[in-house]
Amino acid sequence: MADWSLSSLQLKLIKIGARVVRHARAITFQLVEVAVTGPMVRAILAAIRRFREPPLCG
């Protein structure tokens, strides 16, 4: 999962039945509890964090 693109991450969320809910300053993923394991959720959130990090200059 470390090398997934944003589009593959979006597709995975769709395939597992995730629903993205946007509020004023937060985005929440509503997941079916039995469809996704804890490690997979952590890996998905880590991938999202990488997309939000500023690029390294150098």
C-alpha atoms as a PDB file:
ATOM      1  CA  MET A   1       0.000   0.000   0.000  1.00  0.00           C
ATOM      2  CA  ALA A   2       2.962   2.315   0.466  1.00  0.00           C
ATOM      3  CA  ASP A   3       3.231   3.028  -3.260  1.00  0.00           C
ATOM      4  CA  TRP A   4      -0.481   3.463  -4.048  1.00  0.00           C
ATOM      5  CA  SER A   5      -1.532   6.497  -6.036  1.00  0.00           C
ATOM      6  CA  LEU A   6      -4.376   8.730  -4.897  1.00  0.00           C
ATOM      7  CA  SER A   7      -6.681   7.204  -7.517  1.00  0.00           C
ATOM      8  CA  SER A   8      -5.920   3.639  -6.391  1.00  0.00           C
ATOM      9  CA  LEU A   9      -6.554   4.692  -2.792  1.00  0.00           C
ATOM     10  CA  GLN A  10      -9.921   6.177  -3.796  1.00  0.00           C
ATOM     11  CA  LEU A  11     -10.823   3.004  -5.676  1.00  0.00           C
ATOM     12  CA  LYS A  12      -9.924   0.855  -2.664  1.00  0.00           C
ATOM     13  CA  LEU A  13     -12.158   2.967  -0.416  1.00  0.00           C
ATOM     14  CA  ILE A  14     -15.026   2.518  -2.864  1.00  0.00           C
ATOM     15  CA  LYS A  15     -14.479  -1.240  -3.096  1.00  0.00           C
ATOM     16  CA  ILE A  16     -14.530  -1.710   0.687  1.00  0.00           C
ATOM     17  CA  GLY A  17     -17.724   0.255   1.093  1.00  0.00           C
ATOM     18  CA  ALA A  18     -16.271   3.400   2.614  1.00  0.00           C
ATOM     19  CA  ARG A  19     -18.242   6.571   2.531  1.00  0.00           C
ATOM     20  CA  VAL A  20     -16.478   9.925   2.719  1.00  0.00           C
ATOM     21  CA  VAL A  21     -18.337  12.533   4.757  1.00  0.00           C
ATOM     22  CA  ARG A  22     -17.150  16.133   4.609  1.00  0.00           C
ATOM     23  CA  HIS A  23     -17.869  18.674   7.298  1.00  0.00           C
ATOM     24  CA  ALA A  24     -16.553  22.212   7.753  1.00  0.00           C
ATOM     25  CA  ARG A  25     -12.964  21.273   8.588  1.00  0.00           C
ATOM     26  CA  ALA A  26     -12.948  17.499   8.765  1.00  0.00           C
ATOM     27  CA  ILE A  27     -13.268  14.570   6.416  1.00  0.00           C
ATOM     28  CA  THR A  28     -14.592  11.377   7.957  1.00  0.00           C
ATOM     29  CA  PHE A  29     -14.547   7.879   6.534  1.00  0.00           C
ATOM     30  CA  GLN A  30     -17.547   5.795   7.481  1.00  0.00           C
ATOM     31  CA  LEU A  31     -16.547   2.173   7.066  1.00  0.00           C
ATOM     32  CA  VAL A  32     -18.434  -1.060   7.405  1.00  0.00           C
ATOM     33  CA  GLU A  33     -16.932  -2.510  10.574  1.00  0.00           C
ATOM     34  CA  VAL A  34     -16.431  -6.055   9.327  1.00  0.00           C
ATOM     35  CA  ALA A  35     -15.159  -5.147   5.859  1.00  0.00           C
ATOM     36  CA  VAL A  36     -11.811  -3.625   6.847  1.00  0.00           C
ATOM     37  CA  THR A  37      -9.169  -4.759   9.299  1.00  0.00           C
ATOM     38  CA  GLY A  38      -7.456  -2.361  11.676  1.00  0.00           C
ATOM     39  CA  PRO A  39      -4.062  -2.623   9.943  1.00  0.00           C
ATOM     40  CA  MET A  40      -5.643  -1.790   6.582  1.00  0.00           C
ATOM     41  CA  VAL A  41      -7.353   1.304   8.024  1.00  0.00           C
ATOM     42  CA  ARG A  42      -4.038   2.454   9.505  1.00  0.00           C
ATOM     43  CA  ALA A  43      -2.277   1.908   6.167  1.00  0.00           C
ATOM     44  CA  ILE A  44      -4.963   3.881   4.311  1.00  0.00           C
ATOM     45  CA  LEU A  45      -4.726   6.761   6.784  1.00  0.00           C
ATOM     46  CA  ALA A  46      -0.918   6.745   6.501  1.00  0.00           C
ATOM     47  CA  ALA A  47      -1.218   6.950   2.705  1.00  0.00           C
ATOM     48  CA  ILE A  48      -3.597   9.904   3.016  1.00  0.00           C
ATOM     49  CA  ARG A  49      -1.146  11.664   5.350  1.00  0.00           C
ATOM     50  CA  ARG A  50       1.636  11.239   2.772  1.00  0.00           C
ATOM     51  CA  PHE A  51      -0.517  12.958   0.139  1.00  0.00           C
ATOM     52  CA  ARG A  52      -1.048  15.900   2.494  1.00  0.00           C
ATOM     53  CA  GLU A  53       2.646  16.397   3.350  1.00  0.00           C
ATOM     54  CA  PRO A  54       4.407  19.287   1.637  1.00  0.00           C
ATOM     55  CA  PRO A  55       6.993  18.239  -0.965  1.00  0.00           C
ATOM     56  CA  LEU A  56      10.614  18.050   0.136  1.00  0.00           C
ATOM     57  CA  CYS A  57      12.837  20.783  -1.279  1.00  0.00           C
ATOM     58  CA  GLY A  58      16.224  19.853  -2.126  1.00  0.00           C
END
